[in-house]
Structures are given as C-alpha cells and as structure tokens.
Amino acid sequence: APVAPIPPEITLQPTDLTNGVFAGDTISFSVQAIGTSPFSYQWRSNDVAISLVSNPSAGSNPLTLGNVQPADSGGYCVVITNVGGAVTSRVAQLVVAPYTPATTGDILKLDFGLTGSPDIQPGFSEMNLALNRTNFNGVKVTLAPLGGATVAQLQERLRTGAELLTNDPPRLTQAQIYNDLIFVNNTNDGTGMSFLIERLAPDTSYGLTIWSWTTQSPIDRISDWIETASGTPVTIKTGYVFNTLYAPTNDFDSAFGALLTSSAAGTLRLEGRKNGGAGQSVIVNGLRLVARPVMQITDARLVNGNIRLTVEAQYPGQPISIEQKEDVGSGTWSPASGGGIIETHGPIVVAEFPASTNHMFYRAAGQ
C-alpha cells in the first residue's frame, strides 16, 4: 500500500555562534532532519529570507557565511520543506566581534602542554590538543598532522616523575616551556605537523620562534620546516637537530625561527616534517610571533676591560654582525674589531670588544 509522505522533523537544531567569531571569519550553520526526502531549505536572517543569488548556500545545508562582519550578527533559522509539509528550526544567534590585528610587538605566545595538566610559562597562553582551533586574543591557530601522522602531547614532569629542567634565573627562566610538548607520534620521514595561524595583519613581517626539545632524546632528531601560506614555500629551518646531550641552560636554547611575511589574507602556515635521525623528530614546546620585530642592543656594560653587548635579533639564528665608528654623526660604519660574538642563545647574541680610550659607538646589523 502507498505510504503517506512524512513531514520533515528536525533532529539536530542549529547552534549559537556567540563566542570566538571575529570579523573576516567564515562560519556555517547546519541542521539535521528526518522525513520523506528530498528536502528543500531556505535559510533566514532576522526573519528575512536570504537571497539565493547573493548566497547560494541559503538553499542548502549547511548555510555558509564568508567574511562575516559585525553587521551580520543576529538570528538565523531555516525552513525545511518536503512533499509532506514544512518545519522551521530554532533561531540560532550569531555574534561577530570586530577585530583589528595588532601590527607591532608580541602577537602570539603559546606554551604547548598536556590536556588537563596546565604548566604554563608566565606570559604565555596554553595550547593543547583539546584547545586546538582556539582563538588567542583574536589570533586563530589550527594544528593538523601531516603525512598520515598523528599528534600526541606530553608533560615531562608526569612522565618522569620530576621536572628535569628547573629555572636558574637570570639565564634560564623558560623551564616550563621545555617541560611539556606536542609531538608527531610517527618515526617515518615525511611525517609532521602544521600550524595554520590566521587573523594576522596582511603582508606584515613576523619574527618566529619555535622551541623544540625533549628530556628523553639521547639520539639526534632531525626535522625540516617551511612556511607555505603564500603558495611558494619559504624555508624556516633545514636540518634542525637536537638531543638530550645538549640540555638548555639559557632561555631560547634549542629554538629556531625565521623572519616571515604573512599572506595577503593575513595568514601563516608553518609545516615541520621529519627528515632523518631516529625516533619522533617533529616536537614543539612553544611558539612565539612578534610583529615587525626590531633588532636592538638591549644591554651594554664594561666587563674585565671589554665592552659587552647583548643584542636581541629578530629571530633565533639570525646572522648578526657588530659595527663600530668613533663619531656617530659622521664617518662610515665598519666591522667592530678586536673581539666578536661569544654566546648565542636563540635570538639573544652576546659580543665583546676591547674598550678603548676613544669614544666608540656600536650598532648591530642582521641579514
């Protein structure tokens, strides 16, 4: 006998999007229904049907809204129709927060940790696998595995029973960064992870620092890192190597980075892949982005008859040279003589040169 058409019935209502949606984001509302198919959909905004000409997804499921703005905030519902009747969903609320990316200073400081066991470096935000795709002061970070790998998380203190790195101020104050991490749970070359960073200022320079070390690594672990948001890969670090034999004794030890430029859409995509060595090689303790970083001499003092200069570079591993001249207002700068760089710890470089009876001016230059 013929079966009468079954009117649509909603089994999963559209949910509110009222937190963490910023101007420029792409969002979607979805619904689930049962009944006699096919269904037709008409999404409505503030009780007005959304034009299918301006947004074809208004006649399908889900509804997708790109480049949302604060003016798009309001109530959204859908009318579902079939041969048996029609039903209207609940009204889901959308709240779009205005957002203007910062263009100077620290933009992002993440300490990767173990879900449920926060051990956060002061001044940093915690990120773990449960917090993936979370906004950090407006910046969006999405972590994803590469090459068929999986990503795991670890806190050294819980694994070993004791923190194997402790702070030793003033040289080492970042023990909490080094003592927890995320890693690619795969030993095959080519496997790795990516970090998509969104809501940055477009076409802006960023100094990148990535900390990568673990207490349980007596063997070399090797990885290659690139940035791919522009479509043309940019080398961050080739053949990054670390092992436990060289434990960090200063801030920024076992860290690497680069000076990168965000895409026209305000994004960076960092990709790290294992390339040789043994064990899991793609390990990340922390991540930092500084917008329009400035190289500067942060300290100058007299030590045993030498001028000791401390320089903060734009990123770890940046080639630094020290130049000098006797008159800051005239003459040409020349390479500083009689000394050189005595220590390098990530972006921090220490150099010494003999003090003279003449006035001498120094500056740092980098590539």
Protein backbone atom coordinates (compact mmCIF):
# COMPACT_ATOMS: atom_id res chain seq x y z
CA ALA A 1 0.00 0.00 0.00
CA PRO A 2 1.25 3.54 -0.66
CA VAL A 3 2.94 5.20 2.29
CA ALA A 4 1.84 8.74 3.09
CA PRO A 5 4.61 11.34 2.93
CA ILE A 6 6.28 12.00 6.29
CA PRO A 7 6.67 15.72 7.05
CA PRO A 8 10.15 16.91 7.99
CA GLU A 9 11.17 16.73 11.63
CA ILE A 10 14.32 18.39 12.95
CA THR A 11 16.56 16.10 14.96
CA LEU A 12 19.51 18.48 15.39
CA GLN A 13 18.92 22.20 15.67
CA PRO A 14 21.40 24.86 14.51
CA THR A 15 23.63 26.01 17.38
CA ASP A 16 24.54 29.51 18.52
CA LEU A 17 27.84 31.05 17.44
CA THR A 18 28.32 33.75 20.03
CA ASN A 19 31.93 33.34 21.15
CA GLY A 20 35.16 33.49 19.20
CA VAL A 21 33.72 34.68 15.87
CA PHE A 22 35.64 37.65 14.50
CA ALA A 23 35.24 39.95 11.53
CA GLY A 24 36.58 38.22 8.42
CA ASP A 25 35.84 34.67 9.56
CA THR A 26 33.91 32.07 7.59
CA ILE A 27 31.17 30.37 9.60
CA SER A 28 28.34 27.90 8.97
CA PHE A 29 25.01 26.88 10.47
CA SER A 30 23.77 23.33 9.97
CA VAL A 31 20.68 21.29 10.77
CA GLN A 32 19.60 17.65 10.62
CA ALA A 33 16.12 16.42 9.77
CA ILE A 34 14.21 13.21 9.09
CA GLY A 35 11.17 12.60 6.91
CA THR A 36 10.39 11.90 3.29
CA SER A 37 13.19 13.17 1.04
CA PRO A 38 14.08 15.25 -0.81
CA PHE A 39 14.16 18.30 1.41
CA SER A 40 14.35 21.91 0.32
CA TYR A 41 15.98 24.53 2.55
CA GLN A 42 15.52 28.26 2.93
CA TRP A 43 17.71 29.95 5.49
CA ARG A 44 16.55 33.21 7.02
CA SER A 45 18.41 36.05 8.72
CA ASN A 46 16.49 38.10 11.27
CA ASP A 47 13.30 36.56 9.83
CA VAL A 48 14.12 37.63 6.26
CA ALA A 49 14.86 35.02 3.59
CA ILE A 50 18.50 35.12 2.46
CA SER A 51 18.79 35.63 -1.29
CA LEU A 52 19.96 32.55 -3.17
CA VAL A 53 21.52 34.86 -5.75
CA SER A 54 23.84 36.51 -3.22
CA ASN A 55 24.43 33.31 -1.26
CA PRO A 56 23.52 30.00 -2.96
CA SER A 57 24.17 28.08 0.29
CA ALA A 58 20.99 29.68 1.70
CA GLY A 59 19.11 27.00 -0.22
CA SER A 60 21.14 24.06 1.10
CA ASN A 61 22.52 22.56 4.27
CA PRO A 62 24.73 23.91 5.75
CA LEU A 63 24.44 27.67 5.37
CA THR A 64 27.90 29.20 4.89
CA LEU A 65 28.70 32.85 5.50
CA GLY A 66 32.10 34.13 4.40
CA ASN A 67 33.93 37.25 5.57
CA VAL A 68 31.36 37.90 8.27
CA GLN A 69 31.14 41.38 9.79
CA PRO A 70 29.52 42.76 12.95
CA ALA A 71 26.53 43.79 10.80
CA ASP A 72 25.90 40.08 10.10
CA SER A 73 25.19 39.44 13.80
CA GLY A 74 21.64 38.36 14.55
CA GLY A 75 19.28 35.38 14.45
CA TYR A 76 19.43 32.64 11.80
CA CYS A 77 16.91 29.87 11.18
CA VAL A 78 15.94 27.55 8.33
CA VAL A 79 12.63 26.44 6.86
CA ILE A 80 12.77 22.80 5.71
CA THR A 81 10.11 21.67 3.24
CA ASN A 82 9.16 18.36 1.60
CA VAL A 83 6.06 16.92 -0.04
CA GLY A 84 4.57 16.29 3.39
CA GLY A 85 4.89 19.77 4.86
CA ALA A 86 7.35 22.20 6.37
CA VAL A 87 9.11 22.88 9.65
CA THR A 88 11.09 25.84 10.96
CA SER A 89 14.19 25.44 13.11
CA ARG A 90 15.04 27.32 16.25
CA VAL A 91 16.67 30.71 15.83
CA ALA A 92 20.44 30.41 16.32
CA GLN A 93 22.31 33.53 17.31
CA LEU A 94 25.45 34.83 15.60
CA VAL A 95 27.68 37.40 17.29
CA VAL A 96 30.58 38.75 15.23
CA ALA A 97 33.21 40.68 17.17
CA PRO A 98 35.15 43.42 15.42
CA TYR A 99 38.85 42.67 15.14
CA THR A 100 41.83 44.75 14.09
CA PRO A 101 45.10 42.79 14.06
CA ALA A 102 47.93 44.25 16.10
CA THR A 103 50.88 45.23 13.93
CA THR A 104 53.73 45.56 16.48
CA GLY A 105 55.06 43.60 19.41
CA ASP A 106 54.19 40.13 20.70
CA ILE A 107 51.20 38.81 18.76
CA LEU A 108 51.21 35.16 19.82
CA LYS A 109 52.94 33.33 22.69
CA LEU A 110 51.91 29.68 23.06
CA ASP A 111 53.11 27.09 25.57
CA PHE A 112 52.07 23.62 24.38
CA GLY A 113 51.06 21.32 27.19
CA LEU A 114 49.17 18.27 28.32
CA THR A 115 45.38 18.45 28.37
CA GLY A 116 44.14 18.71 31.95
CA SER A 117 47.58 19.37 33.46
CA PRO A 118 48.41 23.03 32.84
CA ASP A 119 52.00 24.05 33.49
CA ILE A 120 52.06 27.37 31.68
CA GLN A 121 55.08 29.58 31.12
CA PRO A 122 54.35 33.02 32.64
CA GLY A 123 53.22 35.45 29.96
CA PHE A 124 52.21 32.64 27.57
CA SER A 125 48.85 31.09 26.68
CA GLU A 126 48.31 27.37 26.98
CA MET A 127 47.54 25.32 23.89
CA ASN A 128 46.96 21.58 23.89
CA LEU A 129 45.08 19.12 21.69
CA ALA A 130 41.80 19.83 23.47
CA LEU A 131 42.26 23.56 22.76
CA ASN A 132 43.03 23.13 19.04
CA ARG A 133 41.26 25.70 16.84
CA THR A 134 41.02 28.11 19.74
CA ASN A 135 41.39 31.87 19.47
CA PHE A 136 44.25 33.54 21.29
CA ASN A 137 43.47 37.22 21.75
CA GLY A 138 41.81 37.15 18.36
CA VAL A 139 44.52 35.14 16.59
CA LYS A 140 43.34 31.73 15.38
CA VAL A 141 45.67 28.71 15.49
CA THR A 142 44.81 25.35 13.95
CA LEU A 143 47.07 22.34 14.45
CA ALA A 144 46.96 19.43 11.98
CA PRO A 145 49.07 16.30 11.32
CA LEU A 146 50.91 15.81 8.01
CA GLY A 147 51.83 12.72 6.02
CA GLY A 148 49.44 10.34 7.74
CA ALA A 149 50.90 11.01 11.17
CA THR A 150 49.10 11.53 14.45
CA VAL A 151 49.92 14.20 17.02
CA ALA A 152 50.27 13.46 20.73
CA GLN A 153 51.02 15.55 23.80
CA LEU A 154 53.25 15.06 26.80
CA GLN A 155 54.34 16.63 30.06
CA GLU A 156 57.82 15.52 31.07
CA ARG A 157 57.10 16.04 34.77
CA LEU A 158 54.28 13.48 34.68
CA ARG A 159 56.19 11.03 32.52
CA THR A 160 59.40 11.00 34.54
CA GLY A 161 58.07 11.81 37.99
CA ALA A 162 60.07 15.02 38.25
CA GLU A 163 60.74 18.10 36.17
CA LEU A 164 64.12 17.52 34.58
CA LEU A 165 64.62 21.20 33.84
CA THR A 166 64.34 23.83 36.55
CA ASN A 167 64.62 27.57 36.23
CA ASP A 168 68.01 29.09 37.02
CA PRO A 169 67.48 32.86 36.78
CA PRO A 170 68.55 35.05 35.19
CA ARG A 171 69.94 32.80 32.47
CA LEU A 172 67.16 30.19 32.36
CA THR A 173 63.56 31.22 33.05
CA GLN A 174 61.76 29.11 30.43
CA ALA A 175 61.79 25.66 32.08
CA GLN A 176 58.00 25.43 31.87
CA ILE A 177 58.21 25.74 28.09
CA TYR A 178 60.72 22.91 27.78
CA ASN A 179 58.96 20.57 30.22
CA ASP A 180 55.86 19.95 28.10
CA LEU A 181 55.33 19.50 24.40
CA ILE A 182 53.37 18.13 21.49
CA PHE A 183 54.97 15.71 19.04
CA VAL A 184 54.33 13.69 15.91
CA ASN A 185 53.76 10.11 17.02
CA ASN A 186 55.45 8.62 13.97
CA THR A 187 59.06 7.77 13.07
CA ASN A 188 58.73 7.83 9.27
CA ASP A 189 60.44 10.53 7.23
CA GLY A 190 57.96 12.97 5.73
CA THR A 191 55.51 12.84 8.63
CA GLY A 192 54.96 16.00 10.59
CA MET A 193 52.53 18.70 11.68
CA SER A 194 51.34 22.11 10.54
CA PHE A 195 50.21 25.26 12.31
CA LEU A 196 47.77 27.47 10.43
CA ILE A 197 47.84 30.93 12.02
CA GLU A 198 45.03 33.27 10.96
CA ARG A 199 43.81 36.81 11.67
CA LEU A 200 47.25 38.35 11.35
CA ALA A 201 47.89 41.70 9.69
CA PRO A 202 48.23 41.17 5.92
CA ASP A 203 51.65 41.43 4.25
CA THR A 204 53.39 42.06 7.57
CA SER A 205 56.76 40.80 8.79
CA TYR A 206 56.75 38.46 11.79
CA GLY A 207 59.67 37.14 13.79
CA LEU A 208 59.04 33.45 14.53
CA THR A 209 60.49 31.44 17.42
CA ILE A 210 59.81 27.72 17.87
CA TRP A 211 61.17 25.85 20.88
CA SER A 212 61.87 22.17 20.11
CA TRP A 213 63.47 19.85 22.70
CA THR A 214 62.68 16.91 24.97
CA THR A 215 64.35 15.43 28.04
CA GLN A 216 64.16 11.91 26.60
CA SER A 217 66.24 12.14 23.42
CA PRO A 218 69.77 10.68 23.59
CA ILE A 219 69.71 10.41 19.77
CA ASP A 220 69.66 13.08 17.08
CA ARG A 221 66.19 14.13 15.96
CA ILE A 222 66.11 15.96 12.64
CA SER A 223 63.33 17.97 11.02
CA ASP A 224 62.79 20.48 8.19
CA TRP A 225 60.44 23.46 8.50
CA ILE A 226 58.83 25.67 5.84
CA GLU A 227 56.11 28.34 5.59
CA THR A 228 53.53 27.84 2.82
CA ALA A 229 50.67 30.36 3.19
CA SER A 230 51.74 32.40 0.17
CA GLY A 231 51.74 29.32 -2.07
CA THR A 232 55.53 29.43 -2.51
CA PRO A 233 57.39 27.56 0.25
CA VAL A 234 59.72 29.70 2.37
CA THR A 235 62.48 27.92 4.29
CA ILE A 236 62.32 28.35 8.05
CA LYS A 237 64.95 25.80 9.06
CA THR A 238 66.54 22.89 7.21
CA GLY A 239 68.06 20.06 9.21
CA TYR A 240 67.12 21.26 12.68
CA VAL A 241 68.87 18.85 15.09
CA PHE A 242 68.61 18.41 18.85
CA ASN A 243 69.17 15.75 21.50
CA THR A 244 69.21 15.47 25.29
CA LEU A 245 73.00 15.69 25.48
CA TYR A 246 72.70 19.44 24.98
CA ALA A 247 70.13 20.45 27.58
CA PRO A 248 69.04 24.10 27.57
CA THR A 249 70.98 26.22 30.05
CA ASN A 250 69.78 29.59 28.77
CA ASP A 251 66.49 30.99 27.56
CA PHE A 252 65.89 30.30 23.86
CA ASP A 253 68.34 27.38 23.71
CA SER A 254 67.07 24.60 21.40
CA ALA A 255 64.98 27.06 19.43
CA PHE A 256 64.89 28.12 15.79
CA GLY A 257 62.93 30.56 13.69
CA ALA A 258 62.83 32.95 10.76
CA LEU A 259 61.58 36.34 9.61
CA LEU A 260 58.35 35.63 7.71
CA THR A 261 55.78 37.72 5.86
CA SER A 262 52.09 36.98 6.28
CA SER A 263 49.95 36.37 3.21
CA ALA A 264 47.57 38.92 1.72
CA ALA A 265 44.84 37.17 3.71
CA GLY A 266 46.77 37.63 6.97
CA THR A 267 47.87 34.02 7.44
CA LEU A 268 50.99 31.96 8.08
CA ARG A 269 51.17 28.19 7.67
CA LEU A 270 54.13 26.53 9.40
CA GLU A 271 54.97 22.96 8.38
CA GLY A 272 57.53 20.69 10.04
CA ARG A 273 58.46 17.23 8.75
CA LYS A 274 60.87 14.56 9.95
CA ASN A 275 63.92 14.24 7.69
CA GLY A 276 66.40 11.73 9.08
CA GLY A 277 67.60 10.78 12.51
CA ALA A 278 65.84 8.33 14.79
CA GLY A 279 62.64 8.47 16.78
CA GLN A 280 59.98 11.17 16.59
CA SER A 281 61.64 14.33 15.28
CA VAL A 282 58.87 16.92 14.99
CA ILE A 283 58.49 18.19 18.55
CA VAL A 284 57.23 21.61 19.64
CA ASN A 285 57.36 23.07 23.15
CA GLY A 286 56.35 26.63 22.40
CA LEU A 287 55.73 29.17 19.65
CA ARG A 288 56.08 32.95 19.52
CA LEU A 289 55.28 35.56 16.86
CA VAL A 290 56.47 39.17 17.04
CA ALA A 291 55.04 41.63 14.52
CA ARG A 292 57.58 43.88 12.80
CA PRO A 293 60.39 42.77 15.13
CA VAL A 294 63.21 45.26 15.73
CA MET A 295 66.83 44.27 16.19
CA GLN A 296 68.29 46.12 19.14
CA ILE A 297 71.18 46.27 21.56
CA THR A 298 69.47 45.63 24.87
CA ASP A 299 72.46 45.89 27.21
CA ALA A 300 75.97 47.38 27.17
CA ARG A 301 78.42 47.12 30.06
CA LEU A 302 82.12 47.05 30.90
CA VAL A 303 83.39 43.55 31.79
CA ASN A 304 87.08 42.94 32.51
CA GLY A 305 88.16 45.79 30.26
CA ASN A 306 85.83 44.78 27.45
CA ILE A 307 82.62 46.30 26.18
CA ARG A 308 80.00 43.52 26.42
CA LEU A 309 76.96 44.00 24.17
CA THR A 310 73.75 41.99 24.34
CA VAL A 311 71.75 42.01 21.11
CA GLU A 312 68.20 40.78 20.57
CA ALA A 313 67.81 39.66 16.97
CA GLN A 314 64.55 39.42 15.04
CA TYR A 315 64.50 35.60 15.23
CA PRO A 316 66.66 32.72 16.53
CA GLY A 317 69.69 32.00 14.39
CA GLN A 318 69.63 35.30 12.53
CA PRO A 319 73.16 36.15 11.31
CA ILE A 320 74.36 39.16 13.31
CA SER A 321 77.32 41.47 12.79
CA ILE A 322 78.52 44.26 15.09
CA GLU A 323 79.71 47.51 13.54
CA GLN A 324 81.51 50.48 15.05
CA LYS A 325 82.64 54.05 14.46
CA GLU A 326 84.08 56.81 16.63
CA ASP A 327 81.70 59.60 15.61
CA VAL A 328 78.04 58.70 15.44
CA GLY A 329 77.31 61.80 13.38
CA SER A 330 79.88 61.34 10.63
CA GLY A 331 82.08 58.74 9.01
CA THR A 332 81.21 55.25 7.92
CA TRP A 333 80.38 52.16 9.94
CA SER A 334 82.97 49.36 9.83
CA PRO A 335 83.08 45.86 11.34
CA ALA A 336 83.88 46.01 15.04
CA SER A 337 87.44 44.82 15.64
CA GLY A 338 89.38 43.05 18.36
CA GLY A 339 86.58 40.76 19.51
CA GLY A 340 83.36 39.13 18.41
CA ILE A 341 80.35 37.10 19.40
CA ILE A 342 80.96 34.94 22.48
CA GLU A 343 77.47 33.48 23.09
CA THR A 344 74.32 32.82 21.07
CA HIS A 345 71.05 31.64 22.59
CA GLY A 346 68.25 31.69 20.07
CA PRO A 347 67.71 35.38 19.18
CA ILE A 348 69.99 36.59 22.01
CA VAL A 349 73.59 37.30 20.98
CA VAL A 350 76.40 38.40 23.31
CA ALA A 351 79.53 40.04 21.89
CA GLU A 352 82.66 41.54 23.47
CA PHE A 353 85.18 44.07 22.16
CA PRO A 354 88.16 45.77 23.82
CA ALA A 355 87.34 49.08 25.46
CA SER A 356 89.43 51.98 24.13
CA THR A 357 90.20 55.47 25.35
CA ASN A 358 88.28 56.86 22.39
CA HIS A 359 84.54 57.24 22.33
CA MET A 360 83.15 54.33 20.33
CA PHE A 361 79.64 53.72 19.04
CA TYR A 362 78.31 50.28 18.21
CA ARG A 363 75.34 49.01 16.27
CA ALA A 364 74.01 45.56 15.34
CA ALA A 365 73.17 44.57 11.78
CA GLY A 366 71.49 41.40 10.60
CA GLN A 367 70.52 39.59 7.43
